[in-house]
Amino acid sequence: MYHFNRHCFGVTCSPFVLAATIKTHIKKYKEKHPFAYEMLNESYVDDLFYGSCTIQDAFTLSSDAVSILKDSNMNMRKFDTNSKELKNVWLNSNSDIETNEHSDNHLKVLGLVWNNLDDTLEIQETPDPISWKHCSGKHNPADLLTRGLSSRDLITFIKWWHGPEWLRDAENLWPKVKEFENELVNSEVTSEYKSCVIVSSAIVQEKILDPGKFSCLRNLLRVTAWVVRFVNALKRKNAEKGPLTSDELTNAEMF
């Protein structure tokens, strides 16, 4: 039996263990550096994308984050920003912050290309509509499987094993794809900003009876049964009368 002293790159459990280790480590600094903790807690694998309102706040965040991870021998580096002023502060400070010296102003941020000069993210390009392909849900083998399908049904699910029936025909016999209008393809979606007021409220449902005020379960059940009988009497004319029944006490226990 072999025992790893460190996690190897490519092992299935390594990303999870890394994330769990970081989260466990940064919890120790939650009270001392709450903002740096919040930032590091939003990291994704080995990427971190964050912002701040002022240069000073951004510098403090980055310095605290580097210090926190340094305590566990983790080197947080390759800092970059869309602010030249902040980058100069990083370079001229005596902190351990390492900037991205080989940046060509185009960085990958969580899979997106970020131009830090004009502070834009490249999400997508408009492709030629002729390259657009679509397979409707009733013909898509993966559609039903993603919604949930038992292994017993999957065995007889012909579409999963062989695809839709028309796929076995010549391509010129395939269902025609609806052509998109050029006006729709070339249209530009503009942003519209509206001010709004958000009201948040919390509804607190108070307990009718506080179990902590009763000395024994028997008294609690009897009082509960009487309250339930009273509420029922308000709803109908023929109300229960006389001593409490065993059914009422049982219902009170369930209540």
C-alpha atoms as a PDB file:
ATOM      1  CA  MET A   1       0.000   0.000   0.000  1.00  0.00           C
ATOM      2  CA  TYR A   2       1.364   3.405  -1.009  1.00  0.00           C
ATOM      3  CA  HIS A   3       0.616   6.669   0.762  1.00  0.00           C
ATOM      4  CA  PHE A   4       0.739   9.949  -1.182  1.00  0.00           C
ATOM      5  CA  ASN A   5       2.459  12.820   0.604  1.00  0.00           C
ATOM      6  CA  ARG A   6       0.964  15.233  -1.891  1.00  0.00           C
ATOM      7  CA  HIS A   7      -1.842  15.043  -4.429  1.00  0.00           C
ATOM      8  CA  CYS A   8      -0.797  14.231  -7.958  1.00  0.00           C
ATOM      9  CA  PHE A   9      -2.037  16.321 -10.842  1.00  0.00           C
ATOM     10  CA  GLY A  10      -4.795  14.527 -12.710  1.00  0.00           C
ATOM     11  CA  VAL A  11      -6.076  12.399  -9.829  1.00  0.00           C
ATOM     12  CA  THR A  12      -9.880  12.484  -9.773  1.00  0.00           C
ATOM     13  CA  CYS A  13     -10.167  13.663  -6.186  1.00  0.00           C
ATOM     14  CA  SER A  14      -7.465  16.361  -6.415  1.00  0.00           C
ATOM     15  CA  PRO A  15      -9.698  19.330  -7.429  1.00  0.00           C
ATOM     16  CA  PHE A  16     -12.148  18.559  -4.622  1.00  0.00           C
ATOM     17  CA  VAL A  17      -9.417  18.161  -2.012  1.00  0.00           C
ATOM     18  CA  LEU A  18      -7.811  21.419  -3.173  1.00  0.00           C
ATOM     19  CA  ALA A  19     -11.089  23.331  -2.861  1.00  0.00           C
ATOM     20  CA  ALA A  20     -11.843  21.773   0.530  1.00  0.00           C
ATOM     21  CA  THR A  21      -8.337  22.575   1.784  1.00  0.00           C
ATOM     22  CA  ILE A  22      -8.574  26.219   0.713  1.00  0.00           C
ATOM     23  CA  LYS A  23     -12.021  26.679   2.240  1.00  0.00           C
ATOM     24  CA  THR A  24     -10.927  25.074   5.513  1.00  0.00           C
ATOM     25  CA  HIS A  25      -7.791  27.219   5.663  1.00  0.00           C
ATOM     26  CA  ILE A  26      -9.428  30.586   4.921  1.00  0.00           C
ATOM     27  CA  LYS A  27     -12.121  30.050   7.567  1.00  0.00           C
ATOM     28  CA  LYS A  28      -9.452  30.759  10.184  1.00  0.00           C
ATOM     29  CA  TYR A  29      -9.227  34.346   8.891  1.00  0.00           C
ATOM     30  CA  LYS A  30     -12.953  35.032   8.517  1.00  0.00           C
ATOM     31  CA  GLU A  31     -13.108  37.430  11.480  1.00  0.00           C
ATOM     32  CA  LYS A  32      -9.699  39.078  11.024  1.00  0.00           C
ATOM     33  CA  HIS A  33      -9.995  39.607   7.252  1.00  0.00           C
ATOM     34  CA  PRO A  34     -13.724  39.285   6.407  1.00  0.00           C
ATOM     35  CA  PHE A  35     -13.490  40.881   2.941  1.00  0.00           C
ATOM     36  CA  ALA A  36     -10.465  38.849   1.878  1.00  0.00           C
ATOM     37  CA  TYR A  37     -12.218  35.720   3.166  1.00  0.00           C
ATOM     38  CA  GLU A  38     -15.308  36.535   1.096  1.00  0.00           C
ATOM     39  CA  MET A  39     -13.166  37.034  -2.000  1.00  0.00           C
ATOM     40  CA  LEU A  40     -11.154  33.824  -1.591  1.00  0.00           C
ATOM     41  CA  ASN A  41     -14.319  31.877  -0.856  1.00  0.00           C
ATOM     42  CA  GLU A  42     -15.519  32.701  -4.384  1.00  0.00           C
ATOM     43  CA  SER A  43     -12.440  31.307  -6.111  1.00  0.00           C
ATOM     44  CA  TYR A  44     -12.958  28.645  -8.772  1.00  0.00           C
ATOM     45  CA  VAL A  45     -10.262  25.937  -8.867  1.00  0.00           C
ATOM     46  CA  ASP A  46      -7.180  28.118  -9.492  1.00  0.00           C
ATOM     47  CA  ASP A  47      -8.897  31.216 -10.917  1.00  0.00           C
ATOM     48  CA  LEU A  48     -10.133  34.274  -9.072  1.00  0.00           C
ATOM     49  CA  PHE A  49     -11.977  37.216 -10.618  1.00  0.00           C
ATOM     50  CA  TYR A  50     -12.938  40.019  -8.277  1.00  0.00           C
ATOM     51  CA  GLY A  51     -13.354  43.787  -8.098  1.00  0.00           C
ATOM     52  CA  SER A  52     -13.378  46.700  -5.711  1.00  0.00           C
ATOM     53  CA  CYS A  53     -14.678  50.268  -5.589  1.00  0.00           C
ATOM     54  CA  THR A  54     -11.370  51.992  -4.784  1.00  0.00           C
ATOM     55  CA  ILE A  55      -7.677  51.455  -5.458  1.00  0.00           C
ATOM     56  CA  GLN A  56      -6.920  51.254  -1.742  1.00  0.00           C
ATOM     57  CA  ASP A  57      -9.600  48.617  -1.137  1.00  0.00           C
ATOM     58  CA  ALA A  58      -8.334  46.550  -4.064  1.00  0.00           C
ATOM     59  CA  PHE A  59      -4.749  46.730  -2.801  1.00  0.00           C
ATOM     60  CA  THR A  60      -5.800  45.753   0.730  1.00  0.00           C
ATOM     61  CA  LEU A  61      -7.827  42.817  -0.579  1.00  0.00           C
ATOM     62  CA  SER A  62      -4.986  41.506  -2.726  1.00  0.00           C
ATOM     63  CA  SER A  63      -2.398  41.947   0.050  1.00  0.00           C
ATOM     64  CA  ASP A  64      -4.552  40.175   2.637  1.00  0.00           C
ATOM     65  CA  ALA A  65      -5.349  37.343   0.216  1.00  0.00           C
ATOM     66  CA  VAL A  66      -1.666  36.766  -0.566  1.00  0.00           C
ATOM     67  CA  SER A  67      -0.826  36.783   3.141  1.00  0.00           C
ATOM     68  CA  ILE A  68      -3.609  34.330   4.018  1.00  0.00           C
ATOM     69  CA  LEU A  69      -2.625  31.791   1.365  1.00  0.00           C
ATOM     70  CA  LYS A  70       1.077  32.248   2.094  1.00  0.00           C
ATOM     71  CA  ASP A  71       0.456  30.883   5.594  1.00  0.00           C
ATOM     72  CA  SER A  72      -0.390  27.551   3.966  1.00  0.00           C
ATOM     73  CA  ASN A  73       2.519  27.728   1.475  1.00  0.00           C
ATOM     74  CA  MET A  74       0.227  28.633  -1.420  1.00  0.00           C
ATOM     75  CA  ASN A  75       1.628  31.237  -3.794  1.00  0.00           C
ATOM     76  CA  MET A  76      -1.103  33.522  -5.111  1.00  0.00           C
ATOM     77  CA  ARG A  77       0.322  35.246  -8.180  1.00  0.00           C
ATOM     78  CA  LYS A  78      -0.247  36.618 -11.714  1.00  0.00           C
ATOM     79  CA  PHE A  79      -2.371  39.523 -10.539  1.00  0.00           C
ATOM     80  CA  ASP A  80      -3.753  41.740 -13.280  1.00  0.00           C
ATOM     81  CA  THR A  81      -6.185  44.622 -13.456  1.00  0.00           C
ATOM     82  CA  ASN A  82      -7.835  47.128 -15.774  1.00  0.00           C
ATOM     83  CA  SER A  83      -6.464  49.953 -13.589  1.00  0.00           C
ATOM     84  CA  LYS A  84      -2.981  51.270 -14.418  1.00  0.00           C
ATOM     85  CA  GLU A  85      -2.913  53.049 -11.069  1.00  0.00           C
ATOM     86  CA  LEU A  86      -3.496  49.834  -9.141  1.00  0.00           C
ATOM     87  CA  LYS A  87      -0.881  48.006 -11.171  1.00  0.00           C
ATOM     88  CA  ASN A  88       1.663  50.715 -10.315  1.00  0.00           C
ATOM     89  CA  VAL A  89       0.747  50.405  -6.636  1.00  0.00           C
ATOM     90  CA  TRP A  90       1.374  46.664  -6.821  1.00  0.00           C
ATOM     91  CA  LEU A  91       4.734  47.129  -8.535  1.00  0.00           C
ATOM     92  CA  ASN A  92       5.954  49.885  -6.203  1.00  0.00           C
ATOM     93  CA  SER A  93       4.789  48.320  -2.946  1.00  0.00           C
ATOM     94  CA  ASN A  94       6.919  46.130  -0.725  1.00  0.00           C
ATOM     95  CA  SER A  95       4.248  43.432  -0.613  1.00  0.00           C
ATOM     96  CA  ASP A  96       4.540  39.884  -1.944  1.00  0.00           C
ATOM     97  CA  ILE A  97       2.100  40.551  -4.787  1.00  0.00           C
ATOM     98  CA  GLU A  98       3.321  39.133  -8.116  1.00  0.00           C
ATOM     99  CA  THR A  99       1.764  40.755 -11.177  1.00  0.00           C
ATOM    100  CA  ASN A 100       1.248  39.204 -14.592  1.00  0.00           C
ATOM    101  CA  GLU A 101       4.339  40.504 -16.383  1.00  0.00           C
ATOM    102  CA  HIS A 102       3.706  38.625 -19.621  1.00  0.00           C
ATOM    103  CA  SER A 103       0.224  39.975 -20.229  1.00  0.00           C
ATOM    104  CA  ASP A 104      -0.676  40.972 -23.797  1.00  0.00           C
ATOM    105  CA  ASN A 105      -3.789  42.729 -22.486  1.00  0.00           C
ATOM    106  CA  HIS A 106      -5.869  39.688 -23.422  1.00  0.00           C
ATOM    107  CA  LEU A 107      -6.409  37.316 -20.509  1.00  0.00           C
ATOM    108  CA  LYS A 108      -8.522  34.239 -19.988  1.00  0.00           C
ATOM    109  CA  VAL A 109     -10.949  34.838 -17.115  1.00  0.00           C
ATOM    110  CA  LEU A 110     -13.015  31.758 -16.242  1.00  0.00           C
ATOM    111  CA  GLY A 111     -12.899  30.714 -19.883  1.00  0.00           C
ATOM    112  CA  LEU A 112     -13.686  34.169 -21.308  1.00  0.00           C
ATOM    113  CA  VAL A 113     -11.228  36.460 -23.083  1.00  0.00           C
ATOM    114  CA  TRP A 114     -10.818  39.687 -21.099  1.00  0.00           C
ATOM    115  CA  ASN A 115      -9.199  42.778 -22.596  1.00  0.00           C
ATOM    116  CA  ASN A 116      -8.050  44.666 -19.526  1.00  0.00           C
ATOM    117  CA  LEU A 117      -7.296  47.874 -21.463  1.00  0.00           C
ATOM    118  CA  ASP A 118     -10.881  48.628 -22.413  1.00  0.00           C
ATOM    119  CA  ASP A 119     -12.276  46.288 -19.720  1.00  0.00           C
ATOM    120  CA  THR A 120     -14.375  44.136 -22.037  1.00  0.00           C
ATOM    121  CA  LEU A 121     -15.162  40.431 -22.045  1.00  0.00           C
ATOM    122  CA  GLU A 122     -15.463  38.569 -25.320  1.00  0.00           C
ATOM    123  CA  ILE A 123     -18.428  36.267 -24.834  1.00  0.00           C
ATOM    124  CA  GLN A 124     -19.193  35.166 -28.368  1.00  0.00           C
ATOM    125  CA  GLU A 125     -18.953  35.999 -32.049  1.00  0.00           C
ATOM    126  CA  THR A 126     -21.882  36.070 -34.458  1.00  0.00           C
ATOM    127  CA  PRO A 127     -21.415  33.025 -36.709  1.00  0.00           C
ATOM    128  CA  ASP A 128     -22.803  32.604 -40.178  1.00  0.00           C
ATOM    129  CA  PRO A 129     -26.398  31.303 -39.903  1.00  0.00           C
ATOM    130  CA  ILE A 130     -25.552  28.592 -42.411  1.00  0.00           C
ATOM    131  CA  SER A 131     -23.444  26.929 -39.700  1.00  0.00           C
ATOM    132  CA  TRP A 132     -26.287  26.868 -37.180  1.00  0.00           C
ATOM    133  CA  LYS A 133     -27.629  23.400 -36.450  1.00  0.00           C
ATOM    134  CA  HIS A 134     -30.570  22.454 -34.294  1.00  0.00           C
ATOM    135  CA  CYS A 135     -32.047  19.125 -33.281  1.00  0.00           C
ATOM    136  CA  SER A 136     -35.479  19.260 -31.710  1.00  0.00           C
ATOM    137  CA  GLY A 137     -36.128  17.535 -28.408  1.00  0.00           C
ATOM    138  CA  LYS A 138     -38.244  14.776 -29.930  1.00  0.00           C
ATOM    139  CA  HIS A 139     -35.323  13.767 -32.176  1.00  0.00           C
ATOM    140  CA  ASN A 140     -32.469  14.387 -29.721  1.00  0.00           C
ATOM    141  CA  PRO A 141     -31.343  11.129 -28.013  1.00  0.00           C
ATOM    142  CA  ALA A 142     -29.797  12.984 -25.078  1.00  0.00           C
ATOM    143  CA  ASP A 143     -32.939  14.972 -24.341  1.00  0.00           C
ATOM    144  CA  LEU A 144     -34.885  12.208 -22.617  1.00  0.00           C
ATOM    145  CA  LEU A 145     -31.822  10.846 -20.842  1.00  0.00           C
ATOM    146  CA  THR A 146     -30.985  14.194 -19.234  1.00  0.00           C
ATOM    147  CA  ARG A 147     -34.517  14.363 -17.850  1.00  0.00           C
ATOM    148  CA  GLY A 148     -34.127  10.997 -16.167  1.00  0.00           C
ATOM    149  CA  LEU A 149     -34.362   7.485 -17.577  1.00  0.00           C
ATOM    150  CA  SER A 150     -33.998   4.160 -15.784  1.00  0.00           C
ATOM    151  CA  SER A 151     -31.418   1.632 -16.970  1.00  0.00           C
ATOM    152  CA  ARG A 152     -34.245  -0.778 -17.788  1.00  0.00           C
ATOM    153  CA  ASP A 153     -35.853   1.738 -20.153  1.00  0.00           C
ATOM    154  CA  LEU A 154     -32.478   2.771 -21.570  1.00  0.00           C
ATOM    155  CA  ILE A 155     -31.829  -0.761 -22.839  1.00  0.00           C
ATOM    156  CA  THR A 156     -34.884  -0.569 -25.101  1.00  0.00           C
ATOM    157  CA  PHE A 157     -34.441   3.112 -25.967  1.00  0.00           C
ATOM    158  CA  ILE A 158     -33.594   2.674 -29.649  1.00  0.00           C
ATOM    159  CA  LYS A 159     -33.038   6.369 -30.232  1.00  0.00           C
ATOM    160  CA  TRP A 160     -30.182   6.407 -27.686  1.00  0.00           C
ATOM    161  CA  TRP A 161     -28.331   3.529 -29.342  1.00  0.00           C
ATOM    162  CA  HIS A 162     -28.964   4.367 -33.003  1.00  0.00           C
ATOM    163  CA  GLY A 163     -30.075   7.998 -33.063  1.00  0.00           C
ATOM    164  CA  PRO A 164     -33.226   9.316 -34.772  1.00  0.00           C
ATOM    165  CA  GLU A 165     -34.574   7.340 -37.707  1.00  0.00           C
ATOM    166  CA  TRP A 166     -33.834  10.035 -40.305  1.00  0.00           C
ATOM    167  CA  LEU A 167     -30.119   9.888 -39.414  1.00  0.00           C
ATOM    168  CA  ARG A 168     -29.875   6.614 -41.335  1.00  0.00           C
ATOM    169  CA  ASP A 169     -31.202   8.285 -44.485  1.00  0.00           C
ATOM    170  CA  ALA A 170     -29.228  10.271 -47.024  1.00  0.00           C
ATOM    171  CA  GLU A 171     -28.436  13.815 -45.868  1.00  0.00           C
ATOM    172  CA  ASN A 172     -30.631  15.342 -48.563  1.00  0.00           C
ATOM    173  CA  LEU A 173     -33.594  13.554 -46.951  1.00  0.00           C
ATOM    174  CA  TRP A 174     -32.964  14.985 -43.479  1.00  0.00           C
ATOM    175  CA  PRO A 175     -35.567  17.360 -42.014  1.00  0.00           C
ATOM    176  CA  LYS A 176     -35.156  20.899 -43.283  1.00  0.00           C
ATOM    177  CA  VAL A 177     -33.757  23.418 -40.817  1.00  0.00           C
ATOM    178  CA  LYS A 178     -35.721  26.633 -40.550  1.00  0.00           C
ATOM    179  CA  GLU A 179     -33.780  29.498 -42.076  1.00  0.00           C
ATOM    180  CA  PHE A 180     -33.155  32.483 -39.842  1.00  0.00           C
ATOM    181  CA  GLU A 181     -33.973  35.917 -41.136  1.00  0.00           C
ATOM    182  CA  ASN A 182     -30.956  38.166 -41.712  1.00  0.00           C
ATOM    183  CA  GLU A 183     -32.740  40.996 -39.963  1.00  0.00           C
ATOM    184  CA  LEU A 184     -32.941  38.902 -36.798  1.00  0.00           C
ATOM    185  CA  VAL A 185     -29.357  37.671 -37.063  1.00  0.00           C
ATOM    186  CA  ASN A 186     -27.858  41.135 -37.545  1.00  0.00           C
ATOM    187  CA  SER A 187     -30.006  42.826 -34.939  1.00  0.00           C
ATOM    188  CA  GLU A 188     -28.257  44.318 -31.936  1.00  0.00           C
ATOM    189  CA  VAL A 189     -29.546  43.960 -28.412  1.00  0.00           C
ATOM    190  CA  THR A 190     -29.229  47.254 -26.591  1.00  0.00           C
ATOM    191  CA  SER A 191     -29.097  47.694 -22.855  1.00  0.00           C
ATOM    192  CA  GLU A 192     -31.805  49.586 -21.058  1.00  0.00           C
ATOM    193  CA  TYR A 193     -31.321  50.677 -17.477  1.00  0.00           C
ATOM    194  CA  LYS A 194     -34.294  51.292 -15.229  1.00  0.00           C
ATOM    195  CA  SER A 195     -34.327  52.301 -11.627  1.00  0.00           C
ATOM    196  CA  CYS A 196     -36.379  50.170  -9.321  1.00  0.00           C
ATOM    197  CA  VAL A 197     -37.094  49.843  -5.665  1.00  0.00           C
ATOM    198  CA  ILE A 198     -36.830  46.401  -4.121  1.00  0.00           C
ATOM    199  CA  VAL A 199     -38.760  45.781  -0.957  1.00  0.00           C
ATOM    200  CA  SER A 200     -37.891  42.765   1.111  1.00  0.00           C
ATOM    201  CA  SER A 201     -39.988  41.602   4.006  1.00  0.00           C
ATOM    202  CA  ALA A 202     -39.928  38.635   6.305  1.00  0.00           C
ATOM    203  CA  ILE A 203     -43.047  36.977   7.646  1.00  0.00           C
ATOM    204  CA  VAL A 204     -42.537  35.558  11.102  1.00  0.00           C
ATOM    205  CA  GLN A 205     -45.076  32.944  12.088  1.00  0.00           C
ATOM    206  CA  GLU A 206     -45.448  32.948  15.834  1.00  0.00           C
ATOM    207  CA  LYS A 207     -46.285  29.752  17.690  1.00  0.00           C
ATOM    208  CA  ILE A 208     -49.789  29.525  19.107  1.00  0.00           C
ATOM    209  CA  LEU A 209     -48.491  27.550  22.060  1.00  0.00           C
ATOM    210  CA  ASP A 210     -45.008  27.585  23.531  1.00  0.00           C
ATOM    211  CA  PRO A 211     -44.107  24.016  24.616  1.00  0.00           C
ATOM    212  CA  GLY A 212     -41.442  25.418  26.927  1.00  0.00           C
ATOM    213  CA  LYS A 213     -44.097  26.909  29.197  1.00  0.00           C
ATOM    214  CA  PHE A 214     -45.635  23.538  30.089  1.00  0.00           C
ATOM    215  CA  SER A 215     -44.372  21.374  32.927  1.00  0.00           C
ATOM    216  CA  CYS A 216     -45.370  18.076  31.323  1.00  0.00           C
ATOM    217  CA  LEU A 217     -46.458  16.629  27.990  1.00  0.00           C
ATOM    218  CA  ARG A 218     -49.919  15.720  29.317  1.00  0.00           C
ATOM    219  CA  ASN A 219     -50.817  19.353  30.051  1.00  0.00           C
ATOM    220  CA  LEU A 220     -49.480  20.466  26.664  1.00  0.00           C
ATOM    221  CA  LEU A 221     -51.593  17.901  24.810  1.00  0.00           C
ATOM    222  CA  ARG A 222     -54.765  18.747  26.721  1.00  0.00           C
ATOM    223  CA  VAL A 223     -54.406  22.499  26.151  1.00  0.00           C
ATOM    224  CA  THR A 224     -53.638  21.874  22.467  1.00  0.00           C
ATOM    225  CA  ALA A 225     -56.734  19.691  22.127  1.00  0.00           C
ATOM    226  CA  TRP A 226     -58.935  22.367  23.720  1.00  0.00           C
ATOM    227  CA  VAL A 227     -57.538  25.037  21.370  1.00  0.00           C
ATOM    228  CA  VAL A 228     -58.154  22.834  18.327  1.00  0.00           C
ATOM    229  CA  ARG A 229     -61.714  22.139  19.507  1.00  0.00           C
ATOM    230  CA  PHE A 230     -62.315  25.872  19.941  1.00  0.00           C
ATOM    231  CA  VAL A 231     -61.037  26.656  16.432  1.00  0.00           C
ATOM    232  CA  ASN A 232     -63.212  23.911  14.956  1.00  0.00           C
ATOM    233  CA  ALA A 233     -66.231  25.250  16.861  1.00  0.00           C
ATOM    234  CA  LEU A 234     -65.792  28.597  15.124  1.00  0.00           C
ATOM    235  CA  LYS A 235     -66.014  26.904  11.732  1.00  0.00           C
ATOM    236  CA  ARG A 236     -69.147  24.816  12.271  1.00  0.00           C
ATOM    237  CA  LYS A 237     -72.342  24.840  14.276  1.00  0.00           C
ATOM    238  CA  ASN A 238     -72.277  21.259  15.553  1.00  0.00           C
ATOM    239  CA  ALA A 239     -69.210  21.493  17.786  1.00  0.00           C
ATOM    240  CA  GLU A 240     -67.891  18.789  20.080  1.00  0.00           C
ATOM    241  CA  LYS A 241     -69.066  18.982  23.684  1.00  0.00           C
ATOM    242  CA  GLY A 242     -68.107  17.286  26.915  1.00  0.00           C
ATOM    243  CA  PRO A 243     -64.715  15.946  28.023  1.00  0.00           C
ATOM    244  CA  LEU A 244     -61.867  15.519  25.534  1.00  0.00           C
ATOM    245  CA  THR A 245     -61.899  12.276  23.592  1.00  0.00           C
ATOM    246  CA  SER A 246     -58.947   9.976  22.963  1.00  0.00           C
ATOM    247  CA  ASP A 247     -59.034  10.903  19.262  1.00  0.00           C
ATOM    248  CA  GLU A 248     -58.712  14.593  20.103  1.00  0.00           C
ATOM    249  CA  LEU A 249     -55.702  13.911  22.332  1.00  0.00           C
ATOM    250  CA  THR A 250     -54.107  11.799  19.588  1.00  0.00           C
ATOM    251  CA  ASN A 251     -54.659  14.562  17.021  1.00  0.00           C
ATOM    252  CA  ALA A 252     -53.176  17.074  19.470  1.00  0.00           C
ATOM    253  CA  GLU A 253     -50.030  14.974  19.657  1.00  0.00           C
ATOM    254  CA  MET A 254     -49.774  14.946  15.863  1.00  0.00           C
ATOM    255  CA  PHE A 255     -50.337  18.706  15.759  1.00  0.00           C
END
